[in-house]
Protein backbone atom coordinates (compact mmCIF):
# COMPACT_ATOMS: atom_id res chain seq x y z
CA UNK A 1 -31.02 -36.69 36.79
CA UNK A 2 -33.04 -37.47 33.75
CA UNK A 3 -32.69 -34.84 30.94
CA UNK A 4 -30.43 -32.43 32.87
CA UNK A 5 -27.41 -32.25 30.53
CA UNK A 6 -25.28 -33.90 27.90
CA UNK A 7 -23.48 -37.14 28.35
CA UNK A 8 -19.75 -37.37 27.71
CA UNK A 9 -20.20 -39.17 24.38
CA UNK A 10 -22.37 -36.35 23.00
CA UNK A 11 -19.83 -33.72 24.03
CA UNK A 12 -16.97 -35.70 22.43
CA UNK A 13 -18.95 -36.15 19.20
CA UNK A 14 -19.66 -32.41 19.07
CA UNK A 15 -15.98 -31.57 19.56
CA UNK A 16 -15.02 -34.11 16.88
CA UNK A 17 -17.39 -32.49 14.36
CA UNK A 18 -16.07 -29.02 15.20
CA UNK A 19 -12.52 -30.30 14.70
CA UNK A 20 -13.42 -31.77 11.30
CA UNK A 21 -15.04 -28.51 10.19
CA UNK A 22 -12.01 -26.50 11.35
CA UNK A 23 -9.63 -28.90 9.59
CA UNK A 24 -11.63 -28.70 6.35
CA UNK A 25 -11.69 -24.88 6.38
CA UNK A 26 -8.00 -24.41 7.24
CA UNK A 27 -6.69 -24.55 3.61
CA UNK A 28 -9.22 -21.91 2.57
CA UNK A 29 -8.08 -19.64 5.39
CA UNK A 30 -4.42 -20.11 4.45
CA UNK A 31 -5.13 -19.41 0.76
CA UNK A 32 -7.04 -16.23 1.61
CA UNK A 33 -4.09 -15.05 3.74
CA UNK A 34 -1.70 -15.73 0.84
CA UNK A 35 -3.99 -13.91 -1.59
CA UNK A 36 -4.22 -10.95 0.75
CA UNK A 37 -0.42 -10.76 1.04
CA UNK A 38 -0.04 -10.86 -2.76
CA UNK A 39 -2.68 -8.15 -3.19
CA UNK A 40 -0.99 -5.92 -0.61
CA UNK A 41 2.38 -6.36 -2.33
CA UNK A 42 0.87 -5.65 -5.76
CA UNK A 43 -0.66 -2.39 -4.48
CA UNK A 44 2.63 -1.37 -2.89
CA UNK A 45 4.54 -2.23 -6.07
CA UNK A 46 2.09 -0.21 -8.17
CA UNK A 47 2.69 2.76 -5.88
CA UNK A 48 6.47 2.27 -6.22
CA UNK A 49 6.14 2.16 -10.04
CA UNK A 50 4.32 5.49 -9.94
CA UNK A 51 6.97 6.91 -7.61
CA UNK A 52 9.81 5.76 -9.89
CA UNK A 53 7.98 7.15 -12.93
CA UNK A 54 7.62 10.55 -11.25
CA UNK A 55 11.27 10.43 -10.23
CA UNK A 56 12.33 9.62 -13.81
CA UNK A 57 10.36 12.60 -15.07
CA UNK A 58 12.22 14.89 -12.67
CA UNK A 59 15.23 16.85 -13.86
CA UNK A 60 17.59 15.83 -11.06
CA UNK A 61 21.20 15.10 -11.97
CA UNK A 62 20.84 11.54 -10.66
CA UNK A 63 17.89 10.82 -12.96
CA UNK A 64 19.55 12.44 -15.95
CA UNK A 65 22.59 10.18 -15.36
CA UNK A 66 20.34 7.11 -15.17
CA UNK A 67 18.49 8.14 -18.33
CA UNK A 68 21.82 8.69 -20.08
CA UNK A 69 22.89 5.20 -19.03
CA UNK A 70 19.62 3.74 -20.33
CA UNK A 71 20.01 5.55 -23.65
CA UNK A 72 23.60 4.30 -24.06
CA UNK A 73 23.16 0.69 -22.87
CA UNK A 74 19.45 0.10 -23.44
CA UNK A 75 18.77 -0.92 -19.83
CA UNK A 76 19.32 -0.16 -16.16
CA UNK A 77 18.68 -2.16 -12.96
CA UNK A 78 18.60 -1.21 -9.30
CA UNK A 79 17.14 -2.32 -5.97
CA UNK A 80 14.78 -0.56 -3.59
CA UNK A 81 14.48 -1.48 0.07
CA UNK A 82 11.26 -0.37 1.70
CA UNK A 83 10.83 0.13 5.41
CA UNK A 84 10.90 -3.27 7.01
CA UNK A 85 12.31 -6.20 5.12
CA UNK A 86 10.64 -5.73 1.73
CA UNK A 87 13.09 -5.45 -1.12
CA UNK A 88 12.29 -4.90 -4.79
CA UNK A 89 14.31 -4.87 -7.99
CA UNK A 90 13.40 -2.59 -10.86
CA UNK A 91 14.55 -2.79 -14.46
CA UNK A 92 14.37 0.03 -16.96
CA UNK A 93 14.51 -0.89 -20.62
CA UNK A 94 14.68 1.55 -23.51
CA UNK A 95 11.78 1.05 -25.90
CA UNK A 96 12.17 4.16 -28.05
CA UNK A 97 14.27 7.29 -28.15
CA UNK A 98 13.79 10.02 -30.74
CA UNK A 99 15.84 12.99 -29.55
CA UNK A 100 13.14 14.76 -27.53
CA UNK A 101 10.94 11.79 -26.62
CA UNK A 102 11.89 8.82 -24.51
CA UNK A 103 9.80 5.67 -23.94
CA UNK A 104 10.88 3.28 -21.18
CA UNK A 105 9.55 -0.01 -19.89
CA UNK A 106 9.71 -0.22 -16.09
CA UNK A 107 9.34 -3.63 -14.42
CA UNK A 108 9.35 -3.96 -10.66
CA UNK A 109 9.71 -7.41 -9.11
CA UNK A 110 9.46 -8.58 -5.53
CA UNK A 111 12.28 -10.50 -3.89
CA UNK A 112 9.81 -12.04 -1.42
CA UNK A 113 7.31 -13.46 -3.92
CA UNK A 114 9.00 -15.01 -6.94
CA UNK A 115 6.37 -14.62 -9.65
CA UNK A 116 5.05 -11.17 -8.68
CA UNK A 117 5.94 -8.40 -11.13
CA UNK A 118 4.40 -5.03 -11.99
CA UNK A 119 5.32 -3.32 -15.27
CA UNK A 120 4.46 0.05 -16.78
CA UNK A 121 5.60 2.23 -19.65
CA UNK A 122 7.01 5.66 -18.97
CA UNK A 123 7.24 8.41 -21.55
CA UNK A 124 9.18 11.59 -21.17
CA UNK A 125 9.68 14.66 -23.28
CA UNK A 126 12.87 16.66 -22.85
CA UNK A 127 12.13 20.37 -22.99
CA UNK A 128 15.45 22.18 -23.16
CA UNK A 129 17.10 19.61 -20.87
CA UNK A 130 18.84 16.67 -22.46
CA UNK A 131 20.68 13.82 -20.83
CA UNK A 132 24.45 14.24 -20.64
């Protein structure tokens, strides 16, 4: 039986070393998963900012009412629920309004991840259509 296999001690030592390597790499795996989740949310929030910006530049009655509210109060807040359980809050703040031109600051924050926020500035020119 000489030289035909591993003895039990060698197998146990090998499993111990594999366990130590797995334990040492576990925090890195968890951090990469967290980073991936944050990156996915940031991309989705950037898309939502673009969607809201396009919606603000539309001439729908709903948007004209929201713009009128922003002009009168200086700000507006609302929530968006995406498919699934993701929920976001967006805040519009009036930066400048000069009759025909409107400059807004849009900040979108995640309710899942506390310190994740995406902001952009939106400008709009009113051509023959003015808020109420």
